[in-house]
Structures are given as structure tokens and as C-alpha cells.
N, C-alpha and C. Protein backbone atom coordinates (compact mmCIF):
# COMPACT_ATOMS: atom_id res chain seq x y z
N MET A 1 16.13 0.11 -4.50
CA MET A 1 16.19 1.28 -5.32
C MET A 1 15.71 2.48 -4.50
N SER A 2 16.39 3.58 -4.61
CA SER A 2 15.92 4.80 -3.95
C SER A 2 15.94 5.94 -4.97
N SER A 3 15.27 7.00 -4.63
CA SER A 3 15.12 8.11 -5.54
C SER A 3 15.32 9.41 -4.78
N SER A 4 15.87 10.41 -5.45
CA SER A 4 16.03 11.73 -4.81
C SER A 4 14.71 12.50 -4.87
N ASP A 5 13.74 12.02 -5.64
CA ASP A 5 12.40 12.63 -5.72
C ASP A 5 11.64 12.22 -4.46
N LEU A 6 11.35 13.19 -3.58
CA LEU A 6 10.69 12.88 -2.30
C LEU A 6 9.32 12.24 -2.48
N ARG A 7 8.71 12.41 -3.66
CA ARG A 7 7.41 11.77 -3.90
C ARG A 7 7.57 10.28 -4.09
N TYR A 8 8.72 9.84 -4.61
CA TYR A 8 8.93 8.43 -4.96
C TYR A 8 10.26 7.93 -4.38
N PRO A 9 10.33 7.82 -3.06
CA PRO A 9 11.60 7.46 -2.43
C PRO A 9 12.13 6.07 -2.77
N VAL A 10 11.27 5.18 -3.25
CA VAL A 10 11.74 3.84 -3.68
C VAL A 10 11.65 3.73 -5.21
N GLY A 11 11.48 4.87 -5.88
CA GLY A 11 11.34 4.87 -7.33
C GLY A 11 9.88 4.75 -7.74
N ASN A 12 9.63 4.99 -9.02
CA ASN A 12 8.28 4.88 -9.57
C ASN A 12 7.86 3.42 -9.67
N PHE A 13 6.58 3.17 -9.62
CA PHE A 13 6.07 1.82 -9.82
C PHE A 13 6.21 1.45 -11.29
N GLU A 14 6.81 0.30 -11.51
CA GLU A 14 6.95 -0.25 -12.87
C GLU A 14 6.59 -1.71 -12.85
N ALA A 15 5.45 -2.05 -13.42
CA ALA A 15 5.02 -3.45 -13.48
C ALA A 15 5.67 -4.16 -14.65
N ARG A 16 5.92 -5.43 -14.43
CA ARG A 16 6.40 -6.29 -15.53
C ARG A 16 5.24 -7.18 -15.97
N ASN A 17 5.27 -7.56 -17.24
CA ASN A 17 4.20 -8.39 -17.77
C ASN A 17 4.19 -9.78 -17.16
N LYS A 18 5.35 -10.29 -16.83
CA LYS A 18 5.47 -11.66 -16.33
C LYS A 18 6.43 -11.66 -15.14
N ILE A 19 6.03 -12.30 -14.07
CA ILE A 19 6.93 -12.48 -12.92
C ILE A 19 7.00 -13.96 -12.59
N THR A 20 8.09 -14.35 -11.96
CA THR A 20 8.26 -15.75 -11.57
C THR A 20 7.56 -16.00 -10.24
N SER A 21 7.40 -17.27 -9.92
CA SER A 21 6.79 -17.59 -8.61
C SER A 21 7.66 -17.12 -7.47
N ASP A 22 8.99 -17.15 -7.64
CA ASP A 22 9.89 -16.64 -6.59
C ASP A 22 9.73 -15.14 -6.41
N GLU A 23 9.63 -14.40 -7.52
CA GLU A 23 9.41 -12.95 -7.44
C GLU A 23 8.06 -12.67 -6.79
N ARG A 24 7.06 -13.44 -7.13
CA ARG A 24 5.72 -13.26 -6.54
C ARG A 24 5.79 -13.49 -5.03
N ARG A 25 6.47 -14.56 -4.60
CA ARG A 25 6.60 -14.82 -3.16
C ARG A 25 7.28 -13.65 -2.45
N ALA A 26 8.31 -13.09 -3.09
CA ALA A 26 9.03 -11.94 -2.48
C ALA A 26 8.09 -10.75 -2.38
N LEU A 27 7.27 -10.50 -3.40
CA LEU A 27 6.31 -9.38 -3.36
C LEU A 27 5.26 -9.60 -2.27
N ILE A 28 4.77 -10.83 -2.16
CA ILE A 28 3.81 -11.14 -1.09
C ILE A 28 4.48 -10.91 0.26
N GLY A 29 5.74 -11.25 0.36
CA GLY A 29 6.50 -10.98 1.61
C GLY A 29 6.54 -9.49 1.93
N MET A 30 6.68 -8.66 0.90
CA MET A 30 6.69 -7.20 1.12
C MET A 30 5.36 -6.73 1.64
N ILE A 31 4.27 -7.30 1.09
CA ILE A 31 2.92 -6.95 1.57
C ILE A 31 2.77 -7.43 3.01
N ALA A 32 3.25 -8.63 3.29
CA ALA A 32 3.16 -9.20 4.65
C ALA A 32 3.94 -8.36 5.65
N ASP A 33 5.04 -7.77 5.23
CA ASP A 33 5.90 -6.97 6.12
C ASP A 33 5.38 -5.54 6.33
N ALA A 34 4.41 -5.12 5.55
CA ALA A 34 3.94 -3.73 5.61
C ALA A 34 3.49 -3.30 7.00
N PRO A 35 2.71 -4.09 7.73
CA PRO A 35 2.30 -3.62 9.05
C PRO A 35 3.49 -3.40 10.00
N ARG A 36 4.40 -4.36 10.03
CA ARG A 36 5.58 -4.23 10.92
C ARG A 36 6.44 -3.04 10.49
N ASN A 37 6.63 -2.87 9.19
CA ASN A 37 7.47 -1.76 8.70
C ASN A 37 6.82 -0.41 8.96
N LEU A 38 5.50 -0.33 8.79
CA LEU A 38 4.81 0.94 9.05
C LEU A 38 4.85 1.25 10.54
N ARG A 39 4.64 0.24 11.38
CA ARG A 39 4.73 0.47 12.84
C ARG A 39 6.13 0.97 13.20
N GLY A 40 7.15 0.37 12.63
CA GLY A 40 8.52 0.80 12.92
C GLY A 40 8.77 2.24 12.45
N ALA A 41 8.19 2.59 11.30
CA ALA A 41 8.40 3.92 10.75
C ALA A 41 7.79 5.02 11.61
N VAL A 42 6.65 4.71 12.26
CA VAL A 42 5.95 5.74 13.07
C VAL A 42 6.26 5.62 14.57
N ALA A 43 7.05 4.62 14.94
CA ALA A 43 7.32 4.39 16.38
C ALA A 43 7.89 5.64 17.05
N ASN A 44 7.33 5.95 18.20
CA ASN A 44 7.83 7.02 19.06
C ASN A 44 7.73 8.42 18.48
N LEU A 45 6.90 8.60 17.46
CA LEU A 45 6.70 9.96 16.94
C LEU A 45 5.68 10.66 17.81
N ASN A 46 5.92 11.94 18.07
CA ASN A 46 4.96 12.71 18.85
C ASN A 46 3.90 13.33 17.92
N GLU A 47 2.93 14.01 18.50
CA GLU A 47 1.81 14.54 17.72
C GLU A 47 2.30 15.56 16.67
N ARG A 48 3.25 16.38 17.05
CA ARG A 48 3.79 17.36 16.08
C ARG A 48 4.44 16.65 14.91
N GLN A 49 5.21 15.62 15.19
CA GLN A 49 5.86 14.86 14.12
C GLN A 49 4.85 14.15 13.25
N LEU A 50 3.82 13.57 13.87
CA LEU A 50 2.76 12.89 13.10
C LEU A 50 2.04 13.87 12.18
N ASP A 51 1.99 15.13 12.55
CA ASP A 51 1.29 16.13 11.75
C ASP A 51 2.23 16.90 10.82
N THR A 52 3.43 16.38 10.61
CA THR A 52 4.41 16.98 9.71
C THR A 52 4.27 16.33 8.32
N PRO A 53 4.15 17.14 7.26
CA PRO A 53 4.14 16.57 5.91
C PRO A 53 5.48 15.94 5.57
N TYR A 54 5.44 14.84 4.86
CA TYR A 54 6.69 14.16 4.48
C TYR A 54 7.47 14.96 3.43
N ARG A 55 6.78 15.89 2.77
CA ARG A 55 7.43 16.81 1.80
C ARG A 55 6.52 18.01 1.67
N ASP A 56 7.03 19.11 1.14
CA ASP A 56 6.19 20.29 0.88
C ASP A 56 5.03 19.89 -0.02
N GLY A 57 3.81 20.19 0.40
CA GLY A 57 2.64 19.85 -0.38
C GLY A 57 2.20 18.40 -0.25
N GLY A 58 2.89 17.62 0.55
CA GLY A 58 2.54 16.21 0.72
C GLY A 58 1.67 15.97 1.94
N TRP A 59 1.28 14.72 2.10
CA TRP A 59 0.48 14.33 3.25
C TRP A 59 1.32 14.36 4.50
N THR A 60 0.63 14.48 5.64
CA THR A 60 1.31 14.33 6.92
C THR A 60 1.61 12.86 7.17
N VAL A 61 2.50 12.62 8.11
CA VAL A 61 2.78 11.24 8.52
C VAL A 61 1.48 10.57 8.96
N ARG A 62 0.65 11.26 9.69
CA ARG A 62 -0.62 10.70 10.15
C ARG A 62 -1.50 10.28 8.93
N GLN A 63 -1.59 11.17 7.95
CA GLN A 63 -2.40 10.85 6.77
C GLN A 63 -1.82 9.64 6.02
N VAL A 64 -0.51 9.55 5.93
CA VAL A 64 0.11 8.40 5.28
C VAL A 64 -0.23 7.12 6.07
N ALA A 65 -0.14 7.18 7.37
CA ALA A 65 -0.44 6.01 8.21
C ALA A 65 -1.88 5.54 8.04
N HIS A 66 -2.79 6.45 7.80
CA HIS A 66 -4.18 6.08 7.56
C HIS A 66 -4.41 5.66 6.10
N HIS A 67 -3.66 6.25 5.18
CA HIS A 67 -3.82 5.93 3.77
C HIS A 67 -3.45 4.48 3.46
N VAL A 68 -2.39 3.97 4.07
CA VAL A 68 -1.94 2.63 3.72
C VAL A 68 -3.04 1.59 3.91
N PRO A 69 -3.71 1.50 5.06
CA PRO A 69 -4.79 0.53 5.15
C PRO A 69 -5.97 0.87 4.24
N ASP A 70 -6.26 2.15 4.01
CA ASP A 70 -7.32 2.51 3.06
C ASP A 70 -7.02 1.88 1.69
N SER A 71 -5.80 2.09 1.23
CA SER A 71 -5.41 1.59 -0.07
C SER A 71 -5.38 0.05 -0.10
N HIS A 72 -4.82 -0.53 0.94
CA HIS A 72 -4.72 -2.00 0.98
C HIS A 72 -6.10 -2.64 1.09
N LEU A 73 -7.05 -1.99 1.76
CA LEU A 73 -8.43 -2.48 1.79
C LEU A 73 -9.01 -2.51 0.39
N ASN A 74 -8.78 -1.46 -0.37
CA ASN A 74 -9.26 -1.41 -1.74
C ASN A 74 -8.61 -2.51 -2.58
N ALA A 75 -7.34 -2.73 -2.40
CA ALA A 75 -6.63 -3.76 -3.16
C ALA A 75 -7.16 -5.16 -2.79
N TYR A 76 -7.39 -5.40 -1.53
CA TYR A 76 -7.91 -6.68 -1.07
C TYR A 76 -9.30 -6.93 -1.69
N THR A 77 -10.13 -5.91 -1.71
CA THR A 77 -11.44 -6.04 -2.34
C THR A 77 -11.31 -6.31 -3.82
N ARG A 78 -10.42 -5.63 -4.48
CA ARG A 78 -10.20 -5.85 -5.92
C ARG A 78 -9.75 -7.29 -6.18
N LEU A 79 -8.87 -7.80 -5.32
CA LEU A 79 -8.43 -9.17 -5.46
C LEU A 79 -9.61 -10.13 -5.35
N LYS A 80 -10.44 -9.95 -4.34
CA LYS A 80 -11.58 -10.83 -4.15
C LYS A 80 -12.56 -10.74 -5.33
N LEU A 81 -12.74 -9.55 -5.86
CA LEU A 81 -13.58 -9.41 -7.05
C LEU A 81 -12.98 -10.17 -8.21
N ALA A 82 -11.67 -10.01 -8.43
CA ALA A 82 -11.01 -10.70 -9.54
C ALA A 82 -11.10 -12.23 -9.41
N LEU A 83 -11.08 -12.72 -8.18
CA LEU A 83 -11.13 -14.16 -7.97
C LEU A 83 -12.53 -14.73 -8.07
N THR A 84 -13.55 -13.89 -7.95
CA THR A 84 -14.93 -14.40 -7.90
C THR A 84 -15.81 -13.94 -9.05
N GLU A 85 -15.31 -13.05 -9.89
CA GLU A 85 -16.09 -12.56 -11.02
C GLU A 85 -15.23 -12.64 -12.29
N ASP A 86 -15.89 -12.59 -13.44
CA ASP A 86 -15.17 -12.62 -14.71
C ASP A 86 -14.80 -11.20 -15.13
N GLU A 87 -13.52 -10.89 -15.01
CA GLU A 87 -12.94 -9.59 -15.37
C GLU A 87 -13.83 -8.42 -14.93
N PRO A 88 -14.01 -8.29 -13.60
CA PRO A 88 -14.85 -7.20 -13.12
C PRO A 88 -14.19 -5.84 -13.35
N THR A 89 -14.98 -4.82 -13.49
CA THR A 89 -14.47 -3.45 -13.53
C THR A 89 -14.53 -2.92 -12.11
N ILE A 90 -13.41 -2.50 -11.62
CA ILE A 90 -13.34 -1.99 -10.25
C ILE A 90 -13.55 -0.49 -10.25
N LYS A 91 -13.85 0.04 -9.10
CA LYS A 91 -14.04 1.48 -8.96
C LYS A 91 -12.82 2.08 -8.28
N PRO A 92 -12.16 3.02 -8.94
CA PRO A 92 -11.07 3.73 -8.25
C PRO A 92 -11.67 4.63 -7.16
N TYR A 93 -10.80 5.18 -6.34
CA TYR A 93 -11.27 6.08 -5.30
C TYR A 93 -10.35 7.30 -5.28
N GLU A 94 -10.85 8.38 -4.77
CA GLU A 94 -10.11 9.64 -4.71
C GLU A 94 -9.27 9.66 -3.46
N GLU A 95 -8.09 9.04 -3.52
CA GLU A 95 -7.27 8.88 -2.31
C GLU A 95 -6.89 10.21 -1.69
N ALA A 96 -6.61 11.23 -2.46
CA ALA A 96 -6.25 12.53 -1.89
C ALA A 96 -7.44 13.12 -1.10
N ARG A 97 -8.63 12.90 -1.58
CA ARG A 97 -9.82 13.41 -0.87
C ARG A 97 -10.08 12.57 0.37
N TRP A 98 -9.84 11.25 0.29
CA TRP A 98 -9.99 10.40 1.47
C TRP A 98 -9.05 10.88 2.56
N ALA A 99 -7.83 11.26 2.20
CA ALA A 99 -6.82 11.69 3.17
C ALA A 99 -7.21 12.97 3.90
N GLU A 100 -8.14 13.72 3.33
CA GLU A 100 -8.62 14.97 3.95
C GLU A 100 -9.80 14.75 4.88
N LEU A 101 -10.40 13.56 4.86
CA LEU A 101 -11.55 13.31 5.74
C LEU A 101 -11.10 13.23 7.19
N ALA A 102 -12.05 13.46 8.08
CA ALA A 102 -11.76 13.54 9.53
C ALA A 102 -11.08 12.27 10.05
N ASP A 103 -11.47 11.09 9.54
CA ASP A 103 -10.85 9.88 10.07
C ASP A 103 -9.37 9.79 9.76
N SER A 104 -8.94 10.42 8.67
CA SER A 104 -7.49 10.43 8.30
C SER A 104 -6.74 11.56 8.98
N ARG A 105 -7.41 12.55 9.46
CA ARG A 105 -6.77 13.68 10.11
C ARG A 105 -6.80 13.57 11.62
N GLU A 106 -7.80 12.89 12.18
CA GLU A 106 -8.02 12.96 13.63
C GLU A 106 -7.94 11.63 14.38
N THR A 107 -8.13 10.54 13.69
CA THR A 107 -8.11 9.22 14.35
C THR A 107 -6.69 8.89 14.82
N PRO A 108 -6.55 8.36 16.04
CA PRO A 108 -5.21 7.91 16.44
C PRO A 108 -4.69 6.86 15.44
N ILE A 109 -3.42 6.95 15.13
CA ILE A 109 -2.88 6.05 14.09
C ILE A 109 -2.91 4.59 14.51
N GLU A 110 -2.94 4.30 15.81
CA GLU A 110 -3.01 2.91 16.25
C GLU A 110 -4.23 2.21 15.67
N VAL A 111 -5.31 2.92 15.49
CA VAL A 111 -6.51 2.32 14.90
C VAL A 111 -6.19 1.78 13.50
N SER A 112 -5.52 2.57 12.70
CA SER A 112 -5.18 2.12 11.33
C SER A 112 -4.06 1.08 11.33
N LEU A 113 -3.13 1.17 12.28
CA LEU A 113 -2.10 0.15 12.36
C LEU A 113 -2.70 -1.20 12.70
N THR A 114 -3.68 -1.22 13.59
CA THR A 114 -4.36 -2.46 13.95
C THR A 114 -5.18 -2.98 12.77
N LEU A 115 -5.87 -2.08 12.10
CA LEU A 115 -6.60 -2.45 10.90
C LEU A 115 -5.68 -3.09 9.86
N LEU A 116 -4.52 -2.47 9.65
CA LEU A 116 -3.56 -3.01 8.66
C LEU A 116 -3.06 -4.39 9.10
N ASP A 117 -2.82 -4.59 10.38
CA ASP A 117 -2.41 -5.91 10.88
C ASP A 117 -3.44 -6.95 10.50
N SER A 118 -4.69 -6.70 10.84
CA SER A 118 -5.76 -7.68 10.61
C SER A 118 -6.00 -7.92 9.12
N LEU A 119 -6.08 -6.84 8.38
CA LEU A 119 -6.30 -6.94 6.94
C LEU A 119 -5.18 -7.75 6.29
N THR A 120 -3.95 -7.44 6.63
CA THR A 120 -2.81 -8.12 6.01
C THR A 120 -2.82 -9.61 6.30
N THR A 121 -3.21 -9.98 7.51
CA THR A 121 -3.30 -11.43 7.82
C THR A 121 -4.25 -12.12 6.86
N ARG A 122 -5.41 -11.54 6.65
CA ARG A 122 -6.39 -12.14 5.73
C ARG A 122 -5.88 -12.11 4.30
N TRP A 123 -5.33 -10.98 3.87
CA TRP A 123 -4.89 -10.81 2.49
C TRP A 123 -3.77 -11.79 2.16
N VAL A 124 -2.78 -11.89 3.02
CA VAL A 124 -1.65 -12.79 2.76
C VAL A 124 -2.08 -14.25 2.83
N THR A 125 -3.01 -14.57 3.74
CA THR A 125 -3.54 -15.94 3.76
C THR A 125 -4.17 -16.28 2.40
N LEU A 126 -4.95 -15.36 1.88
CA LEU A 126 -5.58 -15.59 0.58
C LEU A 126 -4.52 -15.70 -0.53
N LEU A 127 -3.59 -14.76 -0.56
CA LEU A 127 -2.54 -14.79 -1.61
C LEU A 127 -1.76 -16.09 -1.57
N ASN A 128 -1.43 -16.56 -0.38
CA ASN A 128 -0.65 -17.80 -0.26
C ASN A 128 -1.43 -19.04 -0.64
N SER A 129 -2.73 -18.94 -0.72
CA SER A 129 -3.58 -20.10 -1.09
C SER A 129 -3.81 -20.20 -2.59
N MET A 130 -3.38 -19.20 -3.33
CA MET A 130 -3.76 -19.09 -4.74
C MET A 130 -2.88 -19.93 -5.67
N THR A 131 -3.46 -20.27 -6.82
CA THR A 131 -2.77 -21.03 -7.86
C THR A 131 -2.21 -20.08 -8.93
N GLU A 132 -1.40 -20.61 -9.80
CA GLU A 132 -0.89 -19.80 -10.94
C GLU A 132 -2.06 -19.23 -11.73
N ASN A 133 -3.08 -20.00 -11.96
CA ASN A 133 -4.24 -19.51 -12.72
C ASN A 133 -4.93 -18.37 -12.00
N ASP A 134 -4.96 -18.41 -10.68
CA ASP A 134 -5.58 -17.32 -9.92
C ASP A 134 -4.82 -16.01 -10.13
N PHE A 135 -3.49 -16.08 -10.17
CA PHE A 135 -2.70 -14.86 -10.37
C PHE A 135 -2.84 -14.30 -11.78
N ALA A 136 -3.30 -15.13 -12.70
CA ALA A 136 -3.51 -14.67 -14.09
C ALA A 136 -4.92 -14.08 -14.30
N ARG A 137 -5.77 -14.22 -13.30
CA ARG A 137 -7.14 -13.66 -13.43
C ARG A 137 -7.04 -12.14 -13.57
N LYS A 138 -7.98 -11.59 -14.30
CA LYS A 138 -7.93 -10.17 -14.62
C LYS A 138 -9.09 -9.40 -14.01
N PHE A 139 -8.81 -8.12 -13.83
CA PHE A 139 -9.87 -7.15 -13.51
C PHE A 139 -9.59 -5.92 -14.35
N ARG A 140 -10.60 -5.11 -14.51
CA ARG A 140 -10.47 -3.90 -15.33
C ARG A 140 -10.42 -2.69 -14.42
N HIS A 141 -9.31 -1.97 -14.54
CA HIS A 141 -9.13 -0.73 -13.78
C HIS A 141 -9.33 0.43 -14.77
N PRO A 142 -10.24 1.35 -14.46
CA PRO A 142 -10.51 2.45 -15.41
C PRO A 142 -9.28 3.25 -15.78
N ASP A 143 -8.27 3.32 -14.92
CA ASP A 143 -7.06 4.09 -15.24
C ASP A 143 -5.96 3.25 -15.90
N HIS A 144 -6.03 1.93 -15.76
CA HIS A 144 -4.94 1.07 -16.24
C HIS A 144 -5.38 0.02 -17.24
N GLY A 145 -6.66 -0.08 -17.50
CA GLY A 145 -7.18 -1.10 -18.41
C GLY A 145 -7.25 -2.46 -17.72
N ALA A 146 -7.21 -3.52 -18.52
CA ALA A 146 -7.28 -4.88 -17.99
C ALA A 146 -5.90 -5.24 -17.41
N VAL A 147 -5.89 -5.60 -16.15
CA VAL A 147 -4.65 -6.00 -15.48
C VAL A 147 -4.91 -7.34 -14.76
N ASP A 148 -3.84 -8.06 -14.51
CA ASP A 148 -4.03 -9.34 -13.80
C ASP A 148 -3.66 -9.20 -12.34
N VAL A 149 -3.93 -10.25 -11.60
CA VAL A 149 -3.67 -10.23 -10.16
C VAL A 149 -2.17 -10.07 -9.90
N ASP A 150 -1.31 -10.61 -10.78
CA ASP A 150 0.13 -10.38 -10.61
C ASP A 150 0.47 -8.89 -10.66
N TRP A 151 -0.22 -8.13 -11.49
CA TRP A 151 -0.01 -6.67 -11.51
C TRP A 151 -0.34 -6.08 -10.13
N LEU A 152 -1.48 -6.53 -9.55
CA LEU A 152 -1.89 -6.06 -8.23
C LEU A 152 -0.84 -6.38 -7.17
N VAL A 153 -0.30 -7.60 -7.22
CA VAL A 153 0.74 -8.00 -6.26
C VAL A 153 1.98 -7.15 -6.44
N GLN A 154 2.35 -6.86 -7.67
CA GLN A 154 3.52 -5.98 -7.92
C GLN A 154 3.24 -4.58 -7.38
N MET A 155 2.05 -4.06 -7.67
CA MET A 155 1.69 -2.72 -7.23
C MET A 155 1.77 -2.61 -5.71
N TYR A 156 1.25 -3.59 -5.00
CA TYR A 156 1.18 -3.48 -3.56
C TYR A 156 2.46 -3.94 -2.86
N GLY A 157 3.29 -4.71 -3.52
CA GLY A 157 4.63 -4.91 -3.00
C GLY A 157 5.38 -3.57 -3.00
N TRP A 158 5.24 -2.83 -4.10
CA TRP A 158 5.84 -1.50 -4.20
C TRP A 158 5.19 -0.54 -3.20
N HIS A 159 3.87 -0.52 -3.18
CA HIS A 159 3.12 0.41 -2.32
C HIS A 159 3.48 0.20 -0.84
N SER A 160 3.71 -1.05 -0.46
CA SER A 160 4.06 -1.37 0.93
C SER A 160 5.37 -0.73 1.35
N ARG A 161 6.26 -0.55 0.41
CA ARG A 161 7.55 0.08 0.70
C ARG A 161 7.53 1.58 0.47
N HIS A 162 6.75 2.01 -0.52
CA HIS A 162 6.69 3.41 -0.95
C HIS A 162 6.31 4.36 0.19
N HIS A 163 5.23 4.08 0.88
CA HIS A 163 4.78 5.01 1.92
C HIS A 163 5.60 4.88 3.20
N VAL A 164 6.08 3.70 3.51
CA VAL A 164 6.98 3.58 4.67
C VAL A 164 8.22 4.44 4.41
N ALA A 165 8.71 4.42 3.17
CA ALA A 165 9.89 5.23 2.86
C ALA A 165 9.61 6.73 2.92
N HIS A 166 8.38 7.13 2.66
CA HIS A 166 8.04 8.56 2.86
C HIS A 166 8.35 8.96 4.31
N ILE A 167 7.95 8.10 5.23
CA ILE A 167 8.11 8.40 6.66
C ILE A 167 9.56 8.24 7.09
N THR A 168 10.20 7.14 6.71
CA THR A 168 11.58 6.92 7.14
C THR A 168 12.53 7.94 6.53
N SER A 169 12.27 8.37 5.31
CA SER A 169 13.15 9.40 4.72
C SER A 169 12.95 10.75 5.42
N LEU A 170 11.70 11.07 5.79
CA LEU A 170 11.44 12.29 6.56
C LEU A 170 12.18 12.22 7.90
N ARG A 171 12.07 11.08 8.58
CA ARG A 171 12.76 10.94 9.85
C ARG A 171 14.26 11.12 9.69
N ALA A 172 14.81 10.56 8.66
CA ALA A 172 16.27 10.69 8.42
C ALA A 172 16.63 12.15 8.17
N ARG A 173 15.86 12.83 7.32
CA ARG A 173 16.14 14.23 7.00
C ARG A 173 16.04 15.13 8.22
N ASN A 174 15.10 14.80 9.12
CA ASN A 174 14.88 15.65 10.30
C ASN A 174 15.61 15.15 11.56
N GLY A 175 16.33 14.06 11.42
CA GLY A 175 17.07 13.55 12.56
C GLY A 175 16.18 13.02 13.69
N TRP A 176 15.04 12.47 13.36
CA TRP A 176 14.12 11.94 14.35
C TRP A 176 14.49 10.54 14.71
């Protein structure tokens, strides 16, 4: 699915109440592919290109490249909380403000690409070890209420494609 709205190039996130084990495996595959896809999206970009917003008022490519592991780290932590506590309440974070911090504006993107590689290896190993009951475990998100781990897998299958598409669609529009 694609969208003409530059904010949502793969469409808006829409979770389903129930997914099959095959759909879950495909979503985990999307999470597993995120590091390779993000590396491909930013390959051979120069500093000027990395500092180009993907849309008017949007983050730069550099900020997007740093945001993905920030967000996936939060999701991995939420998963571990859901697996080890009874319906924990998680803490959201101000992602737009995180993107303005020096580490998101100044750190070479290779640092975050390497972080995403390592994080994803651990995250996917954990996801692949889980049972049906594990995916039904819940956590409480202040913005979304009680959600289960399958919701998290759906969100991050989408998220893994969403930000890569910000970069690849910018590259296509600019002929990079």
C-alpha cells in the first residue's frame, strides 16, 4: 500500500484485533528486514542529502535514521516489560523532541545503523521464541489503552516500512 500523503507513504497504521500466525511471521520478517532496508535507503547519500527533510516540516533523513532505532529500542523494552510483568503501564516518549537532541542531529548515521542491527538481532530472536500466549500478553499504553503484543508486532512491522519509505520516496522525488 502506498499513499500520496508524504507523512504516510505506506498508509496509516491500522491494527487488527486478531492476526494469524502466518501474518505474525510476516510482520516479524518486516521487523527483521528493517536494518537492511534502512541501510539501503540511506546508502551513498552525502551530508547535504542526509540533512534534507523528507517533506516540508518533516525530519531530515539523518533524524529519521536515528529515530528508527530510538523507537525500536522503546518497543523492545515494552515487549520485555509485557513478557515479565502483569499488564505493565509503559511510558511514552516525546519522539519529536528526541529527534531535536544533538545525538539525532550530529551523530554519524552508521552509529544508529549498527545499533539497529544489534537490537534487531536480539528482538527478532525473542519474538521467534515466543508462544501464542506470549503474543496475547498485554501492556497499557497511555495513548492507546490496553494492547497486546500482537498489536506491538503490527505497529513495528508497519513502522519498519514507514520510515524507510520516507527516505526512498524522497530519493525518488529528487532523483537521488
